[in-house]
């Protein structure tokens, strides 16, 4: 009930506020893991940008498989390109 006070803007079933919070969480978690594992920060930034876009664009029934797979594709592309 309290979440309905904050989640007001919906786009294709996901809230704009939840997307923003998820993006911030993904960025900080990705940055921490990149520094911990010695990876390039470009991977964390690209993943952060890709997560909300993929969630809005992809309408596959099982996002638990598609989202990590597509983020791995984006990360591999960034790793090979930059």
PDB file of N, CA and C in Angstrom:
ATOM      1  N   UNK A   1       0.823  -1.189   0.000  1.00  0.00           N
ATOM      2  CA  UNK A   1       0.000   0.000   0.000  1.00  0.00           C
ATOM      3  C   UNK A   1       0.868   1.253   0.000  1.00  0.00           C
ATOM      4  N   UNK A   2       1.979   1.223   0.722  1.00  0.00           N
ATOM      5  CA  UNK A   2       2.832   2.415   0.758  1.00  0.00           C
ATOM      6  C   UNK A   2       3.560   2.627  -0.552  1.00  0.00           C
ATOM      7  N   UNK A   3       3.823   1.545  -1.305  1.00  0.00           N
ATOM      8  CA  UNK A   3       4.510   1.687  -2.575  1.00  0.00           C
ATOM      9  C   UNK A   3       3.638   2.367  -3.617  1.00  0.00           C
ATOM     10  N   UNK A   4       2.349   2.279  -3.480  1.00  0.00           N
ATOM     11  CA  UNK A   4       1.460   2.945  -4.421  1.00  0.00           C
ATOM     12  C   UNK A   4       1.546   4.460  -4.308  1.00  0.00           C
ATOM     13  N   UNK A   5       2.012   4.965  -3.175  1.00  0.00           N
ATOM     14  CA  UNK A   5       2.183   6.402  -3.024  1.00  0.00           C
ATOM     15  C   UNK A   5       3.332   6.916  -3.887  1.00  0.00           C
ATOM     16  N   UNK A   6       4.359   6.097  -4.101  1.00  0.00           N
ATOM     17  CA  UNK A   6       5.532   6.539  -4.831  1.00  0.00           C
ATOM     18  C   UNK A   6       5.520   6.123  -6.295  1.00  0.00           C
ATOM     19  N   UNK A   7       4.963   4.986  -6.602  1.00  0.00           N
ATOM     20  CA  UNK A   7       4.976   4.452  -7.963  1.00  0.00           C
ATOM     21  C   UNK A   7       3.769   4.967  -8.726  1.00  0.00           C
ATOM     22  N   UNK A   8       3.923   6.108  -9.347  1.00  0.00           N
ATOM     23  CA  UNK A   8       2.793   6.732 -10.027  1.00  0.00           C
ATOM     24  C   UNK A   8       2.869   6.618 -11.544  1.00  0.00           C
ATOM     25  N   UNK A   9       4.026   6.732 -12.128  1.00  0.00           N
ATOM     26  CA  UNK A   9       4.161   6.738 -13.580  1.00  0.00           C
ATOM     27  C   UNK A   9       4.491   5.329 -14.057  1.00  0.00           C
ATOM     28  N   UNK A  10       3.614   4.753 -14.879  1.00  0.00           N
ATOM     29  CA  UNK A  10       3.830   3.396 -15.398  1.00  0.00           C
ATOM     30  C   UNK A  10       4.044   3.437 -16.903  1.00  0.00           C
ATOM     31  N   UNK A  11       5.054   2.684 -17.341  1.00  0.00           N
ATOM     32  CA  UNK A  11       5.322   2.510 -18.757  1.00  0.00           C
ATOM     33  C   UNK A  11       5.426   1.015 -19.007  1.00  0.00           C
ATOM     34  N   UNK A  12       4.485   0.469 -19.758  1.00  0.00           N
ATOM     35  CA  UNK A  12       4.434  -0.965 -20.085  1.00  0.00           C
ATOM     36  C   UNK A  12       4.549  -1.849 -18.847  1.00  0.00           C
ATOM     37  N   UNK A  13       3.890  -1.477 -17.784  1.00  0.00           N
ATOM     38  CA  UNK A  13       3.838  -2.307 -16.595  1.00  0.00           C
ATOM     39  C   UNK A  13       4.939  -2.064 -15.584  1.00  0.00           C
ATOM     40  N   UNK A  14       5.948  -1.280 -15.937  1.00  0.00           N
ATOM     41  CA  UNK A  14       7.000  -0.965 -14.977  1.00  0.00           C
ATOM     42  C   UNK A  14       6.891   0.508 -14.592  1.00  0.00           C
ATOM     43  N   UNK A  15       7.206   0.799 -13.360  1.00  0.00           N
ATOM     44  CA  UNK A  15       7.103   2.175 -12.903  1.00  0.00           C
ATOM     45  C   UNK A  15       8.391   2.932 -13.196  1.00  0.00           C
ATOM     46  N   UNK A  16       8.251   4.191 -13.489  1.00  0.00           N
ATOM     47  CA  UNK A  16       9.401   5.035 -13.764  1.00  0.00           C
ATOM     48  C   UNK A  16      10.277   5.181 -12.523  1.00  0.00           C
ATOM     49  N   UNK A  17       9.659   5.250 -11.375  1.00  0.00           N
ATOM     50  CA  UNK A  17      10.408   5.370 -10.128  1.00  0.00           C
ATOM     51  C   UNK A  17      11.199   4.111  -9.833  1.00  0.00           C
ATOM     52  N   UNK A  18      10.587   2.950 -10.069  1.00  0.00           N
ATOM     53  CA  UNK A  18      11.282   1.681  -9.871  1.00  0.00           C
ATOM     54  C   UNK A  18      12.433   1.498 -10.840  1.00  0.00           C
ATOM     55  N   UNK A  19      12.234   1.969 -12.069  1.00  0.00           N
ATOM     56  CA  UNK A  19      13.300   1.902 -13.060  1.00  0.00           C
ATOM     57  C   UNK A  19      14.479   2.771 -12.643  1.00  0.00           C
ATOM     58  N   UNK A  20      14.195   3.962 -12.135  1.00  0.00           N
ATOM     59  CA  UNK A  20      15.266   4.853 -11.681  1.00  0.00           C
ATOM     60  C   UNK A  20      16.016   4.247 -10.495  1.00  0.00           C
ATOM     61  N   UNK A  21      15.285   3.684  -9.550  1.00  0.00           N
ATOM     62  CA  UNK A  21      15.928   3.060  -8.387  1.00  0.00           C
ATOM     63  C   UNK A  21      16.755   1.849  -8.815  1.00  0.00           C
ATOM     64  N   UNK A  22      16.235   1.056  -9.725  1.00  0.00           N
ATOM     65  CA  UNK A  22      16.976  -0.091 -10.229  1.00  0.00           C
ATOM     66  C   UNK A  22      18.229   0.315 -10.977  1.00  0.00           C
ATOM     67  N   UNK A  23      18.143   1.400 -11.745  1.00  0.00           N
ATOM     68  CA  UNK A  23      19.290   1.892 -12.484  1.00  0.00           C
ATOM     69  C   UNK A  23      20.396   2.343 -11.536  1.00  0.00           C
ATOM     70  N   UNK A  24      20.019   3.035 -10.487  1.00  0.00           N
ATOM     71  CA  UNK A  24      21.008   3.483  -9.499  1.00  0.00           C
ATOM     72  C   UNK A  24      21.645   2.286  -8.796  1.00  0.00           C
ATOM     73  N   UNK A  25      20.833   1.301  -8.432  1.00  0.00           N
ATOM     74  CA  UNK A  25      21.356   0.109  -7.760  1.00  0.00           C
ATOM     75  C   UNK A  25      22.288  -0.672  -8.674  1.00  0.00           C
ATOM     76  N   UNK A  26      21.921  -0.806  -9.946  1.00  0.00           N
ATOM     77  CA  UNK A  26      22.768  -1.531 -10.901  1.00  0.00           C
ATOM     78  C   UNK A  26      24.093  -0.800 -11.097  1.00  0.00           C
ATOM     79  N   UNK A  27      24.054   0.518 -11.163  1.00  0.00           N
ATOM     80  CA  UNK A  27      25.291   1.270 -11.367  1.00  0.00           C
ATOM     81  C   UNK A  27      26.262   1.093 -10.196  1.00  0.00           C
ATOM     82  N   UNK A  28      25.770   1.263  -8.975  1.00  0.00           N
ATOM     83  CA  UNK A  28      26.665   1.148  -7.833  1.00  0.00           C
ATOM     84  C   UNK A  28      27.152  -0.286  -7.630  1.00  0.00           C
ATOM     85  N   UNK A  29      26.280  -1.248  -7.834  1.00  0.00           N
ATOM     86  CA  UNK A  29      26.697  -2.642  -7.722  1.00  0.00           C
ATOM     87  C   UNK A  29      27.698  -2.999  -8.811  1.00  0.00           C
ATOM     88  N   UNK A  30      27.423  -2.563 -10.042  1.00  0.00           N
ATOM     89  CA  UNK A  30      28.347  -2.827 -11.141  1.00  0.00           C
ATOM     90  C   UNK A  30      29.685  -2.154 -10.957  1.00  0.00           C
ATOM     91  N   UNK A  31      29.668  -0.917 -10.468  1.00  0.00           N
ATOM     92  CA  UNK A  31      30.929  -0.205 -10.227  1.00  0.00           C
ATOM     93  C   UNK A  31      31.755  -0.906  -9.154  1.00  0.00           C
ATOM     94  N   UNK A  32      31.084  -1.342  -8.109  1.00  0.00           N
ATOM     95  CA  UNK A  32      31.788  -2.049  -7.031  1.00  0.00           C
ATOM     96  C   UNK A  32      32.388  -3.357  -7.543  1.00  0.00           C
ATOM     97  N   UNK A  33      31.585  -4.124  -8.284  1.00  0.00           N
ATOM     98  CA  UNK A  33      32.087  -5.397  -8.792  1.00  0.00           C
ATOM     99  C   UNK A  33      33.203  -5.198  -9.808  1.00  0.00           C
ATOM    100  N   UNK A  34      33.100  -4.166 -10.633  1.00  0.00           N
ATOM    101  CA  UNK A  34      34.172  -3.889 -11.596  1.00  0.00           C
ATOM    102  C   UNK A  34      35.468  -3.535 -10.893  1.00  0.00           C
ATOM    103  N   UNK A  35      35.376  -2.728  -9.831  1.00  0.00           N
ATOM    104  CA  UNK A  35      36.600  -2.391  -9.098  1.00  0.00           C
ATOM    105  C   UNK A  35      37.128  -3.591  -8.330  1.00  0.00           C
ATOM    106  N   UNK A  36      36.233  -4.429  -7.820  1.00  0.00           N
ATOM    107  CA  UNK A  36      36.644  -5.615  -7.079  1.00  0.00           C
ATOM    108  C   UNK A  36      37.314  -6.639  -7.987  1.00  0.00           C
ATOM    109  N   UNK A  37      36.786  -6.802  -9.194  1.00  0.00           N
ATOM    110  CA  UNK A  37      37.318  -7.795 -10.124  1.00  0.00           C
ATOM    111  C   UNK A  37      38.362  -7.229 -11.078  1.00  0.00           C
ATOM    112  N   UNK A  38      38.588  -5.917 -11.009  1.00  0.00           N
ATOM    113  CA  UNK A  38      39.582  -5.303 -11.880  1.00  0.00           C
ATOM    114  C   UNK A  38      39.112  -5.129 -13.313  1.00  0.00           C
ATOM    115  N   UNK A  39      37.818  -4.968 -13.515  1.00  0.00           N
ATOM    116  CA  UNK A  39      37.271  -4.781 -14.854  1.00  0.00           C
ATOM    117  C   UNK A  39      37.135  -3.306 -15.170  1.00  0.00           C
ATOM    118  N   UNK A  40      36.887  -3.011 -16.425  1.00  0.00           N
ATOM    119  CA  UNK A  40      36.738  -1.633 -16.876  1.00  0.00           C
ATOM    120  C   UNK A  40      35.390  -1.073 -16.438  1.00  0.00           C
ATOM    121  N   UNK A  41      35.373   0.184 -16.038  1.00  0.00           N
ATOM    122  CA  UNK A  41      34.129   0.826 -15.584  1.00  0.00           C
ATOM    123  C   UNK A  41      33.139   1.039 -16.724  1.00  0.00           C
ATOM    124  N   UNK A  42      33.607   1.004 -17.974  1.00  0.00           N
ATOM    125  CA  UNK A  42      32.692   1.158 -19.107  1.00  0.00           C
ATOM    126  C   UNK A  42      31.634   0.064 -19.123  1.00  0.00           C
ATOM    127  N   UNK A  43      31.972  -1.103 -18.622  1.00  0.00           N
ATOM    128  CA  UNK A  43      31.013  -2.206 -18.577  1.00  0.00           C
ATOM    129  C   UNK A  43      29.890  -1.875 -17.613  1.00  0.00           C
ATOM    130  N   UNK A  44      30.220  -1.319 -16.468  1.00  0.00           N
ATOM    131  CA  UNK A  44      29.182  -0.953 -15.499  1.00  0.00           C
ATOM    132  C   UNK A  44      28.284   0.152 -16.037  1.00  0.00           C
ATOM    133  N   UNK A  45      28.881   1.134 -16.686  1.00  0.00           N
ATOM    134  CA  UNK A  45      28.093   2.246 -17.224  1.00  0.00           C
ATOM    135  C   UNK A  45      27.186   1.770 -18.353  1.00  0.00           C
ATOM    136  N   UNK A  46      27.698   0.933 -19.237  1.00  0.00           N
ATOM    137  CA  UNK A  46      26.871   0.446 -20.341  1.00  0.00           C
ATOM    138  C   UNK A  46      25.754  -0.459 -19.846  1.00  0.00           C
ATOM    139  N   UNK A  47      26.042  -1.274 -18.852  1.00  0.00           N
ATOM    140  CA  UNK A  47      24.994  -2.122 -18.286  1.00  0.00           C
ATOM    141  C   UNK A  47      23.923  -1.285 -17.608  1.00  0.00           C
ATOM    142  N   UNK A  48      24.350  -0.228 -16.939  1.00  0.00           N
ATOM    143  CA  UNK A  48      23.403   0.659 -16.284  1.00  0.00           C
ATOM    144  C   UNK A  48      22.480   1.309 -17.298  1.00  0.00           C
ATOM    145  N   UNK A  49      23.012   1.693 -18.424  1.00  0.00           N
ATOM    146  CA  UNK A  49      22.193   2.313 -19.460  1.00  0.00           C
ATOM    147  C   UNK A  49      21.310   1.293 -20.166  1.00  0.00           C
ATOM    148  N   UNK A  50      21.777   0.058 -20.275  1.00  0.00           N
ATOM    149  CA  UNK A  50      21.046  -0.945 -21.031  1.00  0.00           C
ATOM    150  C   UNK A  50      19.876  -1.558 -20.263  1.00  0.00           C
ATOM    151  N   UNK A  51      19.986  -1.658 -18.948  1.00  0.00           N
ATOM    152  CA  UNK A  51      18.944  -2.333 -18.161  1.00  0.00           C
ATOM    153  C   UNK A  51      17.564  -1.703 -18.344  1.00  0.00           C
ATOM    154  N   UNK A  52      17.385  -0.397 -18.125  1.00  0.00           N
ATOM    155  CA  UNK A  52      16.034   0.142 -18.292  1.00  0.00           C
ATOM    156  C   UNK A  52      15.547   0.094 -19.733  1.00  0.00           C
ATOM    157  N   UNK A  53      16.466   0.259 -20.692  1.00  0.00           N
ATOM    158  CA  UNK A  53      16.055   0.186 -22.092  1.00  0.00           C
ATOM    159  C   UNK A  53      15.592  -1.207 -22.469  1.00  0.00           C
ATOM    160  N   UNK A  54      16.314  -2.216 -22.027  1.00  0.00           N
ATOM    161  CA  UNK A  54      15.929  -3.590 -22.329  1.00  0.00           C
ATOM    162  C   UNK A  54      14.604  -3.929 -21.658  1.00  0.00           C
ATOM    163  N   UNK A  55      14.411  -3.477 -20.427  1.00  0.00           N
ATOM    164  CA  UNK A  55      13.153  -3.764 -19.738  1.00  0.00           C
ATOM    165  C   UNK A  55      11.959  -3.124 -20.436  1.00  0.00           C
ATOM    166  N   UNK A  56      12.157  -1.953 -21.025  1.00  0.00           N
ATOM    167  CA  UNK A  56      11.062  -1.286 -21.714  1.00  0.00           C
ATOM    168  C   UNK A  56      10.817  -1.855 -23.104  1.00  0.00           C
ATOM    169  N   UNK A  57      11.878  -2.296 -23.767  1.00  0.00           N
ATOM    170  CA  UNK A  57      11.748  -2.761 -25.150  1.00  0.00           C
ATOM    171  C   UNK A  57      11.338  -4.224 -25.225  1.00  0.00           C
ATOM    172  N   UNK A  58      11.995  -5.074 -24.465  1.00  0.00           N
ATOM    173  CA  UNK A  58      11.787  -6.517 -24.559  1.00  0.00           C
ATOM    174  C   UNK A  58      10.504  -6.898 -23.835  1.00  0.00           C
ATOM    175  N   UNK A  59       9.666  -7.634 -24.518  1.00  0.00           N
ATOM    176  CA  UNK A  59       8.424  -8.084 -23.898  1.00  0.00           C
ATOM    177  C   UNK A  59       8.333  -9.612 -23.868  1.00  0.00           C
ATOM    178  N   UNK A  60       9.483 -10.253 -23.722  1.00  0.00           N
ATOM    179  CA  UNK A  60       9.488 -11.701 -23.620  1.00  0.00           C
ATOM    180  C   UNK A  60       8.825 -12.119 -22.325  1.00  0.00           C
ATOM    181  N   UNK A  61       8.248 -13.308 -22.328  1.00  0.00           N
ATOM    182  CA  UNK A  61       7.533 -13.733 -21.105  1.00  0.00           C
ATOM    183  C   UNK A  61       8.438 -13.940 -19.897  1.00  0.00           C
ATOM    184  N   UNK A  62       9.687 -14.337 -20.113  1.00  0.00           N
ATOM    185  CA  UNK A  62      10.572 -14.613 -18.985  1.00  0.00           C
ATOM    186  C   UNK A  62      11.753 -13.653 -19.006  1.00  0.00           C
ATOM    187  N   UNK A  63      11.635 -12.534 -18.299  1.00  0.00           N
ATOM    188  CA  UNK A  63      12.716 -11.561 -18.251  1.00  0.00           C
ATOM    189  C   UNK A  63      13.860 -12.031 -17.360  1.00  0.00           C
ATOM    190  N   UNK A  64      13.636 -13.046 -16.542  1.00  0.00           N
ATOM    191  CA  UNK A  64      14.710 -13.566 -15.688  1.00  0.00           C
ATOM    192  C   UNK A  64      15.813 -14.214 -16.511  1.00  0.00           C
ATOM    193  N   UNK A  65      15.481 -14.685 -17.697  1.00  0.00           N
ATOM    194  CA  UNK A  65      16.504 -15.224 -18.590  1.00  0.00           C
ATOM    195  C   UNK A  65      16.984 -14.167 -19.571  1.00  0.00           C
ATOM    196  N   UNK A  66      16.072 -13.431 -20.158  1.00  0.00           N
ATOM    197  CA  UNK A  66      16.430 -12.518 -21.237  1.00  0.00           C
ATOM    198  C   UNK A  66      17.252 -11.333 -20.758  1.00  0.00           C
ATOM    199  N   UNK A  67      16.945 -10.774 -19.608  1.00  0.00           N
ATOM    200  CA  UNK A  67      17.659  -9.591 -19.137  1.00  0.00           C
ATOM    201  C   UNK A  67      19.136  -9.877 -18.851  1.00  0.00           C
ATOM    202  N   UNK A  68      19.482 -10.894 -18.067  1.00  0.00           N
ATOM    203  CA  UNK A  68      20.919 -11.163 -17.859  1.00  0.00           C
ATOM    204  C   UNK A  68      21.650 -11.535 -19.148  1.00  0.00           C
ATOM    205  N   UNK A  69      20.977 -12.261 -20.035  1.00  0.00           N
ATOM    206  CA  UNK A  69      21.598 -12.638 -21.303  1.00  0.00           C
ATOM    207  C   UNK A  69      21.903 -11.407 -22.150  1.00  0.00           C
ATOM    208  N   UNK A  70      20.943 -10.507 -22.284  1.00  0.00           N
ATOM    209  CA  UNK A  70      21.151  -9.317 -23.097  1.00  0.00           C
ATOM    210  C   UNK A  70      22.156  -8.356 -22.459  1.00  0.00           C
ATOM    211  N   UNK A  71      22.186  -8.285 -21.135  1.00  0.00           N
ATOM    212  CA  UNK A  71      23.196  -7.461 -20.463  1.00  0.00           C
ATOM    213  C   UNK A  71      24.588  -8.046 -20.713  1.00  0.00           C
ATOM    214  N   UNK A  72      24.712  -9.362 -20.713  1.00  0.00           N
ATOM    215  CA  UNK A  72      25.996  -9.990 -21.019  1.00  0.00           C
ATOM    216  C   UNK A  72      26.423  -9.695 -22.455  1.00  0.00           C
ATOM    217  N   UNK A  73      25.470  -9.655 -23.377  1.00  0.00           N
ATOM    218  CA  UNK A  73      25.782  -9.308 -24.765  1.00  0.00           C
ATOM    219  C   UNK A  73      26.281  -7.869 -24.847  1.00  0.00           C
ATOM    220  N   UNK A  74      25.609  -6.951 -24.156  1.00  0.00           N
ATOM    221  CA  UNK A  74      26.034  -5.547 -24.140  1.00  0.00           C
ATOM    222  C   UNK A  74      27.419  -5.426 -23.515  1.00  0.00           C
ATOM    223  N   UNK A  75      27.656  -6.101 -22.402  1.00  0.00           N
ATOM    224  CA  UNK A  75      28.963  -6.029 -21.735  1.00  0.00           C
ATOM    225  C   UNK A  75      30.071  -6.578 -22.631  1.00  0.00           C
ATOM    226  N   UNK A  76      29.801  -7.660 -23.325  1.00  0.00           N
ATOM    227  CA  UNK A  76      30.802  -8.236 -24.229  1.00  0.00           C
ATOM    228  C   UNK A  76      31.081  -7.290 -25.388  1.00  0.00           C
ATOM    229  N   UNK A  77      30.033  -6.652 -25.904  1.00  0.00           N
ATOM    230  CA  UNK A  77      30.215  -5.687 -26.984  1.00  0.00           C
ATOM    231  C   UNK A  77      31.079  -4.512 -26.527  1.00  0.00           C
ATOM    232  N   UNK A  78      30.804  -3.998 -25.341  1.00  0.00           N
ATOM    233  CA  UNK A  78      31.587  -2.869 -24.815  1.00  0.00           C
ATOM    234  C   UNK A  78      33.025  -3.292 -24.559  1.00  0.00           C
ATOM    235  N   UNK A  79      33.196  -4.485 -24.024  1.00  0.00           N
ATOM    236  CA  UNK A  79      34.560  -4.977 -23.738  1.00  0.00           C
ATOM    237  C   UNK A  79      35.376  -5.100 -25.034  1.00  0.00           C
ATOM    238  N   UNK A  80      34.749  -5.574 -26.094  1.00  0.00           N
ATOM    239  CA  UNK A  80      35.469  -5.748 -27.351  1.00  0.00           C
ATOM    240  C   UNK A  80      35.633  -4.439 -28.127  1.00  0.00           C
ATOM    241  N   UNK A  81      34.769  -3.474 -27.886  1.00  0.00           N
ATOM    242  CA  UNK A  81      34.793  -2.232 -28.671  1.00  0.00           C
ATOM    243  C   UNK A  81      35.656  -1.149 -28.050  1.00  0.00           C
ATOM    244  N   UNK A  82      35.711  -1.068 -26.741  1.00  0.00           N
ATOM    245  CA  UNK A  82      36.396   0.059 -26.112  1.00  0.00           C
ATOM    246  C   UNK A  82      37.606  -0.381 -25.348  1.00  0.00           C
TER     247      UNK A  82
END
